[in-house]
Amino acid sequence: MRALIATIGMLLATENIAFAHAHLDRSNPPVGGTVSSSPNEIVLTFTDQLEPAFSSADVRNEKGATMQSGKASVDGANRAQLRVPLKVLPPGTYKVNWRVMSVDTHRTEGNFTFRVGP
């Protein structure tokens, strides 16, 4: 009986660890979406809280120029959100590159695009 309980406990612990990574849950503007006017910032919401010192993002235009107006930062009120302040974005396609570390020290990264314009 003890062996069964120990095995179940290890399986449950392993399952929790597997889901501890911070994956992108949603963004504003939305992944692959189009907005009619330039947003002031991009808000990336993850599935776990982030380590501010090891979480970053940048936004680039079609020519590869950086379009953020400041450094990305973890929201103090919601540590699962990363906010990226933006310059005024003219119509076009923009690529967001993000790299984050969750509070359990797992790193994830990714990218997506969105459009500004009609």
C-alpha atoms as a PDB file:
ATOM      1  CA  MET A   1       0.000   0.000   0.000  1.00  0.00           C
ATOM      2  CA  ARG A   2       2.843   2.407   0.824  1.00  0.00           C
ATOM      3  CA  ALA A   3       4.447   1.733  -2.552  1.00  0.00           C
ATOM      4  CA  LEU A   4       1.166   2.536  -4.322  1.00  0.00           C
ATOM      5  CA  ILE A   5       0.765   5.798  -2.400  1.00  0.00           C
ATOM      6  CA  ALA A   6       4.393   6.750  -3.099  1.00  0.00           C
ATOM      7  CA  THR A   7       3.973   6.013  -6.820  1.00  0.00           C
ATOM      8  CA  ILE A   8       0.800   8.089  -7.039  1.00  0.00           C
ATOM      9  CA  GLY A   9       2.513  10.936  -5.191  1.00  0.00           C
ATOM     10  CA  MET A  10       5.470  10.900  -7.611  1.00  0.00           C
ATOM     11  CA  LEU A  11       3.141  10.882 -10.624  1.00  0.00           C
ATOM     12  CA  LEU A  12       1.184  13.848  -9.300  1.00  0.00           C
ATOM     13  CA  ALA A  13       4.386  15.761  -8.523  1.00  0.00           C
ATOM     14  CA  THR A  14       5.741  15.065 -12.009  1.00  0.00           C
ATOM     15  CA  GLU A  15       2.493  16.210 -13.617  1.00  0.00           C
ATOM     16  CA  ASN A  16       2.611  19.535 -11.731  1.00  0.00           C
ATOM     17  CA  ILE A  17       6.205  20.103 -12.798  1.00  0.00           C
ATOM     18  CA  ALA A  18       5.371  19.459 -16.450  1.00  0.00           C
ATOM     19  CA  PHE A  19       2.737  22.202 -16.462  1.00  0.00           C
ATOM     20  CA  ALA A  20       4.830  24.766 -14.567  1.00  0.00           C
ATOM     21  CA  HIS A  21       6.387  26.391 -17.657  1.00  0.00           C
ATOM     22  CA  ALA A  22       5.162  29.865 -18.582  1.00  0.00           C
ATOM     23  CA  HIS A  23       3.556  29.562 -22.010  1.00  0.00           C
ATOM     24  CA  LEU A  24       1.908  32.420 -23.863  1.00  0.00           C
ATOM     25  CA  ASP A  25      -1.812  32.266 -23.091  1.00  0.00           C
ATOM     26  CA  ARG A  26      -2.962  35.384 -24.958  1.00  0.00           C
ATOM     27  CA  SER A  27      -1.833  38.805 -26.103  1.00  0.00           C
ATOM     28  CA  ASN A  28      -3.261  42.206 -26.796  1.00  0.00           C
ATOM     29  CA  PRO A  29      -3.119  42.853 -29.734  1.00  0.00           C
ATOM     30  CA  PRO A  30      -4.016  39.225 -30.413  1.00  0.00           C
ATOM     31  CA  VAL A  31      -1.621  36.775 -32.049  1.00  0.00           C
ATOM     32  CA  GLY A  32      -2.063  37.073 -35.829  1.00  0.00           C
ATOM     33  CA  GLY A  33      -4.679  39.790 -35.350  1.00  0.00           C
ATOM     34  CA  THR A  34      -5.188  43.183 -36.917  1.00  0.00           C
ATOM     35  CA  VAL A  35      -5.817  46.412 -35.034  1.00  0.00           C
ATOM     36  CA  SER A  36      -7.076  49.564 -36.717  1.00  0.00           C
ATOM     37  CA  SER A  37      -4.720  51.955 -34.908  1.00  0.00           C
ATOM     38  CA  SER A  38      -1.395  51.859 -33.145  1.00  0.00           C
ATOM     39  CA  PRO A  39      -1.609  50.377 -29.629  1.00  0.00           C
ATOM     40  CA  ASN A  40       0.295  52.105 -26.792  1.00  0.00           C
ATOM     41  CA  GLU A  41       1.649  48.796 -25.562  1.00  0.00           C
ATOM     42  CA  ILE A  42       1.555  45.066 -26.074  1.00  0.00           C
ATOM     43  CA  VAL A  43       0.367  42.954 -23.158  1.00  0.00           C
ATOM     44  CA  LEU A  44       1.487  39.322 -23.132  1.00  0.00           C
ATOM     45  CA  THR A  45      -0.302  37.066 -20.639  1.00  0.00           C
ATOM     46  CA  PHE A  46       1.372  33.801 -19.665  1.00  0.00           C
ATOM     47  CA  THR A  47       0.209  30.649 -17.895  1.00  0.00           C
ATOM     48  CA  ASP A  48       2.556  31.154 -14.925  1.00  0.00           C
ATOM     49  CA  GLN A  49       4.132  34.018 -13.014  1.00  0.00           C
ATOM     50  CA  LEU A  50       7.323  35.458 -14.496  1.00  0.00           C
ATOM     51  CA  GLU A  51      10.761  36.308 -13.121  1.00  0.00           C
ATOM     52  CA  PRO A  52      11.139  40.023 -14.021  1.00  0.00           C
ATOM     53  CA  ALA A  53      14.948  39.968 -14.319  1.00  0.00           C
ATOM     54  CA  PHE A  54      14.856  37.174 -16.914  1.00  0.00           C
ATOM     55  CA  SER A  55      11.766  38.065 -18.973  1.00  0.00           C
ATOM     56  CA  SER A  56      11.850  40.304 -22.025  1.00  0.00           C
ATOM     57  CA  ALA A  57      10.223  41.036 -25.356  1.00  0.00           C
ATOM     58  CA  ASP A  58      10.869  43.200 -28.378  1.00  0.00           C
ATOM     59  CA  VAL A  59       8.743  44.369 -31.264  1.00  0.00           C
ATOM     60  CA  ARG A  60      10.157  44.836 -34.758  1.00  0.00           C
ATOM     61  CA  ASN A  61       8.743  46.226 -37.981  1.00  0.00           C
ATOM     62  CA  GLU A  62       9.023  44.572 -41.403  1.00  0.00           C
ATOM     63  CA  LYS A  63      12.545  46.002 -41.863  1.00  0.00           C
ATOM     64  CA  GLY A  64      13.699  44.676 -38.474  1.00  0.00           C
ATOM     65  CA  ALA A  65      13.758  48.037 -36.687  1.00  0.00           C
ATOM     66  CA  THR A  66      12.929  48.024 -32.974  1.00  0.00           C
ATOM     67  CA  MET A  67       9.523  49.576 -32.282  1.00  0.00           C
ATOM     68  CA  GLN A  68       9.253  49.530 -28.494  1.00  0.00           C
ATOM     69  CA  SER A  69       9.614  52.844 -26.667  1.00  0.00           C
ATOM     70  CA  GLY A  70      11.057  51.297 -23.518  1.00  0.00           C
ATOM     71  CA  LYS A  71      12.005  48.067 -21.839  1.00  0.00           C
ATOM     72  CA  ALA A  72       9.425  45.281 -21.407  1.00  0.00           C
ATOM     73  CA  SER A  73       8.413  44.801 -17.778  1.00  0.00           C
ATOM     74  CA  VAL A  74       6.466  42.333 -15.685  1.00  0.00           C
ATOM     75  CA  ASP A  75       3.229  43.852 -14.371  1.00  0.00           C
ATOM     76  CA  GLY A  76       3.442  44.341 -10.592  1.00  0.00           C
ATOM     77  CA  ALA A  77      -0.275  43.639 -10.142  1.00  0.00           C
ATOM     78  CA  ASN A  78      -0.272  40.521 -12.349  1.00  0.00           C
ATOM     79  CA  ARG A  79       3.114  38.795 -12.508  1.00  0.00           C
ATOM     80  CA  ALA A  80       1.873  36.587 -15.359  1.00  0.00           C
ATOM     81  CA  GLN A  81       1.764  39.643 -17.652  1.00  0.00           C
ATOM     82  CA  LEU A  82       4.630  41.189 -19.590  1.00  0.00           C
ATOM     83  CA  ARG A  83       4.025  44.716 -20.907  1.00  0.00           C
ATOM     84  CA  VAL A  84       5.939  46.244 -23.816  1.00  0.00           C
ATOM     85  CA  PRO A  85       5.584  50.022 -24.365  1.00  0.00           C
ATOM     86  CA  LEU A  86       5.480  50.973 -28.047  1.00  0.00           C
ATOM     87  CA  LYS A  87       6.386  53.840 -30.329  1.00  0.00           C
ATOM     88  CA  VAL A  88       3.609  54.964 -32.677  1.00  0.00           C
ATOM     89  CA  LEU A  89       3.246  52.130 -35.181  1.00  0.00           C
ATOM     90  CA  PRO A  90       2.398  53.056 -38.771  1.00  0.00           C
ATOM     91  CA  PRO A  91       0.303  50.588 -40.787  1.00  0.00           C
ATOM     92  CA  GLY A  92       2.198  47.358 -41.364  1.00  0.00           C
ATOM     93  CA  THR A  93       3.090  43.976 -39.919  1.00  0.00           C
ATOM     94  CA  TYR A  94       5.001  43.668 -36.646  1.00  0.00           C
ATOM     95  CA  LYS A  95       6.804  40.748 -35.075  1.00  0.00           C
ATOM     96  CA  VAL A  96       6.873  40.222 -31.309  1.00  0.00           C
ATOM     97  CA  ASN A  97       9.747  38.128 -29.944  1.00  0.00           C
ATOM     98  CA  TRP A  98       9.458  37.076 -26.295  1.00  0.00           C
ATOM     99  CA  ARG A  99      11.710  35.208 -23.874  1.00  0.00           C
ATOM    100  CA  VAL A 100      10.535  34.550 -20.333  1.00  0.00           C
ATOM    101  CA  MET A 101      11.466  32.627 -17.231  1.00  0.00           C
ATOM    102  CA  SER A 102       8.731  31.383 -14.927  1.00  0.00           C
ATOM    103  CA  VAL A 103       9.106  31.565 -11.150  1.00  0.00           C
ATOM    104  CA  ASP A 104      10.085  27.880 -11.153  1.00  0.00           C
ATOM    105  CA  THR A 105      13.100  28.813 -13.402  1.00  0.00           C
ATOM    106  CA  HIS A 106      11.861  27.212 -16.629  1.00  0.00           C
ATOM    107  CA  ARG A 107      12.555  29.294 -19.741  1.00  0.00           C
ATOM    108  CA  THR A 108      10.292  29.538 -22.770  1.00  0.00           C
ATOM    109  CA  GLU A 109      10.383  31.726 -25.855  1.00  0.00           C
ATOM    110  CA  GLY A 110       8.407  32.379 -28.967  1.00  0.00           C
ATOM    111  CA  ASN A 111       7.217  34.947 -31.462  1.00  0.00           C
ATOM    112  CA  PHE A 112       4.137  36.017 -33.370  1.00  0.00           C
ATOM    113  CA  THR A 113       2.995  38.758 -35.690  1.00  0.00           C
ATOM    114  CA  PHE A 114       0.138  41.236 -35.734  1.00  0.00           C
ATOM    115  CA  ARG A 115      -0.915  43.980 -38.132  1.00  0.00           C
ATOM    116  CA  VAL A 116      -1.775  47.637 -37.772  1.00  0.00           C
ATOM    117  CA  GLY A 117      -4.096  48.971 -40.452  1.00  0.00           C
ATOM    118  CA  PRO A 118      -7.247  48.153 -42.321  1.00  0.00           C
END
